[in-house]
């Protein structure tokens, strides 16, 4: 029995399939299957119930999984406390919302690459709902999203908030929220629900609310005079500098956007935990340098 066999078993069990495990471990699928087969031959038990659907752990597989997670944690702890972080290798899968991607994400990736020069990064920029699903399904290791995620298995670390500012096209001088549409985040997000509620209270049935998962597309619509809307200043800066949009005050304040660095709490990973802490430090420094 080898540690690589145990590690391979652990990722097959975590991800529920040989193909996903092969992608995670950067191995061919036959190589993963061979390791599991050899491990089962040596232990003389079946670890998975193989069928047309996802793999299911047998009783013996469940017993081994508990030991495998302990072994991986010990390996992580040795590397973190004894070894050199610069020698850490592997693939680290990060997910970020568009707001974070246009704010402090480049600085974080620069700091991460300096601390872990031999770790490859797979970056996904998507809406928070999709990032949450990918994390829970173990397709991402660490996500920066509008949180927190209300799952018992997820650890959420608060990140600095983003204030919302209202924007209109420069050529629009008189804005009536009862006449012009208001564009906001995706309809399944808290900012969209809060905005819709406030508009219903202030404007009534005449309100028109557009939603878009693409924040850059939303701001282009604002710049074209199609709609107005509230967004973090970091997203609007290119349009402000180009003279395409201006801030205005419709006397309809909204709560700041709350973000978290979120990851699965078990099994523990020092790489993930250290990266979440690093992200908090980078985000706080970025917000101090970009007030408002």
Protein backbone atom coordinates (compact mmCIF):
# COMPACT_ATOMS: atom_id res chain seq x y z
CA UNK A 1 0.00 0.00 0.00
CA UNK A 2 1.43 3.39 -0.97
CA UNK A 3 0.56 6.92 0.03
CA UNK A 4 -0.20 7.76 -3.61
CA UNK A 5 -2.79 4.97 -3.67
CA UNK A 6 -4.39 6.39 -0.53
CA UNK A 7 -4.35 9.92 -1.96
CA UNK A 8 -5.93 8.68 -5.19
CA UNK A 9 -8.61 6.79 -3.28
CA UNK A 10 -9.35 9.91 -1.25
CA UNK A 11 -9.92 12.08 -4.32
CA UNK A 12 -12.04 9.46 -6.07
CA UNK A 13 -14.18 9.27 -2.93
CA UNK A 14 -14.38 13.06 -2.53
CA UNK A 15 -15.23 13.79 -6.16
CA UNK A 16 -17.38 10.72 -6.81
CA UNK A 17 -15.68 9.45 -9.93
CA UNK A 18 -12.46 8.37 -11.62
CA UNK A 19 -12.57 11.04 -14.31
CA UNK A 20 -12.89 13.93 -11.84
CA UNK A 21 -10.14 12.46 -9.70
CA UNK A 22 -7.87 12.09 -12.73
CA UNK A 23 -8.39 15.78 -13.56
CA UNK A 24 -7.70 16.80 -9.96
CA UNK A 25 -4.54 14.67 -9.71
CA UNK A 26 -3.34 15.39 -13.25
CA UNK A 27 -3.30 11.66 -14.05
CA UNK A 28 -4.85 9.60 -16.79
CA UNK A 29 -8.10 7.84 -15.92
CA UNK A 30 -6.55 4.38 -16.45
CA UNK A 31 -3.77 5.31 -14.00
CA UNK A 32 -6.37 6.24 -11.37
CA UNK A 33 -8.30 3.02 -12.00
CA UNK A 34 -5.11 0.97 -11.69
CA UNK A 35 -4.19 2.54 -8.36
CA UNK A 36 -7.63 1.84 -6.93
CA UNK A 37 -7.64 -1.71 -8.28
CA UNK A 38 -4.19 -2.41 -6.79
CA UNK A 39 -5.27 -0.97 -3.47
CA UNK A 40 -8.39 -3.15 -3.40
CA UNK A 41 -6.29 -6.23 -4.32
CA UNK A 42 -3.87 -5.54 -1.48
CA UNK A 43 -6.62 -4.95 1.08
CA UNK A 44 -8.70 -7.79 -0.40
CA UNK A 45 -11.90 -5.75 -0.21
CA UNK A 46 -14.04 -3.67 -2.54
CA UNK A 47 -13.88 0.03 -1.77
CA UNK A 48 -16.55 1.23 -4.22
CA UNK A 49 -19.86 -0.09 -5.48
CA UNK A 50 -19.59 0.32 -9.23
CA UNK A 51 -22.74 0.98 -11.20
CA UNK A 52 -24.21 3.18 -13.91
CA UNK A 53 -24.38 6.21 -11.61
CA UNK A 54 -21.86 7.88 -9.31
CA UNK A 55 -19.49 5.70 -7.33
CA UNK A 56 -20.68 4.80 -3.83
CA UNK A 57 -18.35 3.84 -0.99
CA UNK A 58 -18.73 0.37 0.49
CA UNK A 59 -18.54 -0.17 4.25
CA UNK A 60 -14.81 -0.85 3.89
CA UNK A 61 -14.44 2.24 1.72
CA UNK A 62 -16.07 4.40 4.38
CA UNK A 63 -13.69 3.04 7.00
CA UNK A 64 -10.68 3.72 4.79
CA UNK A 65 -11.91 7.24 3.97
CA UNK A 66 -11.66 8.28 7.63
CA UNK A 67 -8.05 7.10 7.80
CA UNK A 68 -7.21 8.62 4.41
CA UNK A 69 -8.44 12.07 5.47
CA UNK A 70 -6.34 11.87 8.64
CA UNK A 71 -3.29 10.89 6.59
CA UNK A 72 -3.77 13.76 4.15
CA UNK A 73 -4.18 16.23 7.00
CA UNK A 74 -0.95 15.00 8.61
CA UNK A 75 0.82 15.40 5.27
CA UNK A 76 -0.51 18.96 4.97
CA UNK A 77 0.57 19.77 8.52
CA UNK A 78 4.08 18.43 7.94
CA UNK A 79 4.44 20.48 4.77
CA UNK A 80 3.08 23.59 6.47
CA UNK A 81 5.04 23.40 9.72
CA UNK A 82 8.21 21.59 8.69
CA UNK A 83 8.59 21.95 4.95
CA UNK A 84 9.17 24.90 2.67
CA UNK A 85 5.92 26.42 1.36
CA UNK A 86 7.71 27.35 -1.85
CA UNK A 87 8.06 23.63 -2.61
CA UNK A 88 4.32 22.94 -2.42
CA UNK A 89 3.01 21.56 -5.71
CA UNK A 90 -0.36 20.76 -7.21
CA UNK A 91 -3.44 22.44 -8.68
CA UNK A 92 -5.35 25.09 -6.73
CA UNK A 93 -8.85 25.91 -8.00
CA UNK A 94 -10.05 29.43 -7.19
CA UNK A 95 -13.42 30.99 -7.93
CA UNK A 96 -14.18 34.71 -7.76
CA UNK A 97 -17.09 37.01 -8.45
CA UNK A 98 -16.66 39.70 -11.09
CA UNK A 99 -16.49 42.45 -8.45
CA UNK A 100 -13.53 40.78 -6.75
CA UNK A 101 -11.89 40.00 -10.11
CA UNK A 102 -11.90 43.70 -11.01
CA UNK A 103 -10.74 44.79 -7.56
CA UNK A 104 -8.03 43.02 -5.56
CA UNK A 105 -7.88 39.58 -7.20
CA UNK A 106 -4.75 40.38 -9.29
CA UNK A 107 -2.88 41.43 -6.12
CA UNK A 108 -3.96 38.23 -4.39
CA UNK A 109 -2.79 36.04 -7.27
CA UNK A 110 0.54 37.85 -7.27
CA UNK A 111 0.98 37.22 -3.53
CA UNK A 112 -0.14 33.61 -3.90
CA UNK A 113 2.30 32.95 -6.75
CA UNK A 114 5.12 34.40 -4.69
CA UNK A 115 4.28 32.19 -1.70
CA UNK A 116 3.57 29.05 -3.75
CA UNK A 117 5.56 29.35 -7.00
CA UNK A 118 5.10 25.67 -7.90
CA UNK A 119 1.32 25.53 -7.48
CA UNK A 120 -0.78 25.84 -10.66
CA UNK A 121 -3.92 27.97 -10.43
CA UNK A 122 -7.21 27.26 -12.20
CA UNK A 123 -9.29 30.46 -11.99
CA UNK A 124 -13.06 30.68 -12.50
CA UNK A 125 -14.92 34.01 -12.60
CA UNK A 126 -18.66 33.52 -12.28
CA UNK A 127 -21.77 34.62 -10.40
CA UNK A 128 -21.87 33.82 -6.68
CA UNK A 129 -24.57 31.15 -6.98
CA UNK A 130 -22.52 29.14 -9.46
CA UNK A 131 -19.38 29.53 -7.32
CA UNK A 132 -21.25 28.27 -4.27
CA UNK A 133 -22.45 25.16 -6.10
CA UNK A 134 -18.96 24.46 -7.45
CA UNK A 135 -17.46 24.71 -3.96
CA UNK A 136 -20.03 22.43 -2.33
CA UNK A 137 -19.54 19.91 -5.16
CA UNK A 138 -15.74 20.12 -4.60
CA UNK A 139 -15.05 21.50 -8.06
CA UNK A 140 -13.39 24.56 -6.48
CA UNK A 141 -11.08 24.80 -3.46
CA UNK A 142 -11.57 28.45 -2.44
CA UNK A 143 -14.16 31.00 -3.56
CA UNK A 144 -14.53 34.77 -3.15
CA UNK A 145 -18.22 35.53 -3.47
CA UNK A 146 -21.22 37.35 -2.05
CA UNK A 147 -21.66 35.32 1.08
CA UNK A 148 -21.74 33.79 3.52
CA UNK A 149 -22.61 30.28 2.35
CA UNK A 150 -25.09 28.72 4.77
CA UNK A 151 -23.77 25.16 4.62
CA UNK A 152 -22.53 23.40 7.76
CA UNK A 153 -19.52 22.08 5.84
CA UNK A 154 -18.36 25.52 4.67
CA UNK A 155 -16.06 27.91 6.53
CA UNK A 156 -16.75 31.58 5.74
CA UNK A 157 -14.24 34.35 6.42
CA UNK A 158 -15.58 37.88 6.08
CA UNK A 159 -13.94 40.15 3.50
CA UNK A 160 -14.21 43.96 3.27
CA UNK A 161 -17.51 45.24 1.94
CA UNK A 162 -18.16 47.23 -1.23
CA UNK A 163 -20.39 50.30 -1.06
CA UNK A 164 -22.92 50.75 -3.83
CA UNK A 165 -23.10 54.00 -5.81
CA UNK A 166 -25.75 54.99 -8.33
CA UNK A 167 -24.77 55.65 -11.95
CA UNK A 168 -26.45 57.20 -14.97
CA UNK A 169 -25.30 58.08 -18.47
CA UNK A 170 -23.58 61.45 -18.65
CA UNK A 171 -26.11 62.81 -21.16
CA UNK A 172 -29.07 62.03 -18.89
CA UNK A 173 -29.79 65.06 -16.72
CA UNK A 174 -33.21 64.23 -15.30
CA UNK A 175 -33.64 60.70 -13.94
CA UNK A 176 -37.09 59.48 -12.93
CA UNK A 177 -36.96 55.95 -11.48
CA UNK A 178 -40.60 55.53 -12.42
CA UNK A 179 -39.75 55.96 -16.09
CA UNK A 180 -36.24 54.64 -16.72
CA UNK A 181 -35.36 51.00 -15.97
CA UNK A 182 -33.02 50.17 -13.11
CA UNK A 183 -30.48 47.45 -13.83
CA UNK A 184 -29.06 45.26 -11.10
CA UNK A 185 -27.29 42.03 -10.28
CA UNK A 186 -28.70 38.61 -11.17
CA UNK A 187 -32.30 38.09 -10.03
CA UNK A 188 -31.26 35.37 -7.57
CA UNK A 189 -28.96 37.64 -5.52
CA UNK A 190 -29.52 39.65 -2.35
CA UNK A 191 -28.72 43.03 -4.01
CA UNK A 192 -31.41 42.41 -6.63
CA UNK A 193 -34.01 41.41 -4.02
CA UNK A 194 -33.20 44.42 -1.83
CA UNK A 195 -33.31 46.81 -4.77
CA UNK A 196 -36.63 45.42 -5.99
CA UNK A 197 -38.11 45.78 -2.51
CA UNK A 198 -36.96 49.39 -2.14
CA UNK A 199 -38.17 50.35 -5.60
CA UNK A 200 -41.57 48.76 -4.96
CA UNK A 201 -41.87 50.81 -1.78
CA UNK A 202 -40.67 54.10 -3.32
CA UNK A 203 -41.78 53.91 -6.95
CA UNK A 204 -44.63 51.43 -6.93
CA UNK A 205 -46.01 49.44 -9.86
CA UNK A 206 -44.33 51.68 -12.46
CA UNK A 207 -40.88 50.35 -11.56
CA UNK A 208 -38.91 48.43 -14.17
CA UNK A 209 -35.99 46.28 -13.04
CA UNK A 210 -33.55 44.60 -15.40
CA UNK A 211 -31.11 41.96 -14.17
CA UNK A 212 -27.82 40.75 -15.59
CA UNK A 213 -25.13 38.36 -14.42
CA UNK A 214 -22.58 40.37 -16.43
CA UNK A 215 -21.71 43.50 -14.48
CA UNK A 216 -19.61 44.96 -17.28
CA UNK A 217 -22.55 44.53 -19.69
CA UNK A 218 -24.83 46.24 -17.17
CA UNK A 219 -22.55 49.27 -16.96
CA UNK A 220 -22.36 49.47 -20.75
CA UNK A 221 -26.17 49.62 -20.77
CA UNK A 222 -26.03 52.41 -18.20
CA UNK A 223 -23.45 54.29 -20.29
CA UNK A 224 -25.76 53.99 -23.30
CA UNK A 225 -28.62 55.55 -21.34
CA UNK A 226 -30.77 52.42 -21.41
CA UNK A 227 -30.94 52.14 -17.61
CA UNK A 228 -29.47 53.40 -14.36
CA UNK A 229 -28.23 51.32 -11.46
CA UNK A 230 -26.18 50.86 -8.29
CA UNK A 231 -22.73 49.24 -8.50
CA UNK A 232 -19.41 49.28 -6.67
CA UNK A 233 -17.21 52.17 -7.78
CA UNK A 234 -14.38 49.83 -8.82
CA UNK A 235 -16.61 48.45 -11.60
CA UNK A 236 -17.67 51.90 -12.82
CA UNK A 237 -14.21 53.50 -12.76
CA UNK A 238 -13.38 52.85 -16.46
CA UNK A 239 -16.72 54.39 -17.51
CA UNK A 240 -16.24 57.33 -15.13
CA UNK A 241 -12.77 58.01 -16.46
CA UNK A 242 -14.07 57.84 -20.04
CA UNK A 243 -16.77 60.37 -19.18
CA UNK A 244 -19.54 57.95 -20.11
CA UNK A 245 -21.29 57.79 -16.73
CA UNK A 246 -21.61 59.94 -13.62
CA UNK A 247 -22.70 59.23 -10.07
CA UNK A 248 -26.02 60.59 -8.87
CA UNK A 249 -28.13 60.38 -5.74
CA UNK A 250 -31.70 59.11 -6.18
CA UNK A 251 -32.15 59.12 -2.37
CA UNK A 252 -32.46 55.35 -2.39
CA UNK A 253 -29.58 53.99 -0.30
CA UNK A 254 -28.74 50.30 -0.39
CA UNK A 255 -26.74 48.04 1.90
CA UNK A 256 -23.07 47.41 1.03
CA UNK A 257 -22.20 44.17 -0.73
CA UNK A 258 -20.88 41.56 1.70
CA UNK A 259 -18.21 39.14 0.48
CA UNK A 260 -16.56 36.10 2.03
CA UNK A 261 -13.63 33.84 1.37
CA UNK A 262 -15.31 30.45 1.63
CA UNK A 263 -13.98 26.90 1.60
CA UNK A 264 -14.86 23.44 2.86
CA UNK A 265 -13.86 23.09 6.50
CA UNK A 266 -13.31 19.32 6.31
CA UNK A 267 -10.99 17.78 5.49
CA UNK A 268 -8.65 20.59 6.50
CA UNK A 269 -6.13 21.97 4.04
CA UNK A 270 -3.40 24.34 5.16
CA UNK A 271 -3.00 25.60 1.60
CA UNK A 272 -6.67 26.62 1.48
CA UNK A 273 -6.68 28.08 5.00
CA UNK A 274 -3.49 30.04 4.44
CA UNK A 275 -4.78 31.30 1.09
CA UNK A 276 -8.04 32.52 2.65
CA UNK A 277 -6.05 34.39 5.30
CA UNK A 278 -3.79 35.83 2.60
CA UNK A 279 -6.87 36.99 0.66
CA UNK A 280 -8.21 38.84 3.71
CA UNK A 281 -4.91 40.67 4.15
CA UNK A 282 -4.71 41.59 0.46
CA UNK A 283 -8.37 42.72 0.37
CA UNK A 284 -8.02 44.88 3.48
CA UNK A 285 -4.88 46.54 2.07
CA UNK A 286 -6.59 47.14 -1.29
CA UNK A 287 -9.63 48.76 0.36
CA UNK A 288 -7.40 51.05 2.44
CA UNK A 289 -5.75 52.18 -0.78
CA UNK A 290 -9.11 52.61 -2.57
CA UNK A 291 -11.48 54.22 -0.04
CA UNK A 292 -15.13 54.44 -1.07
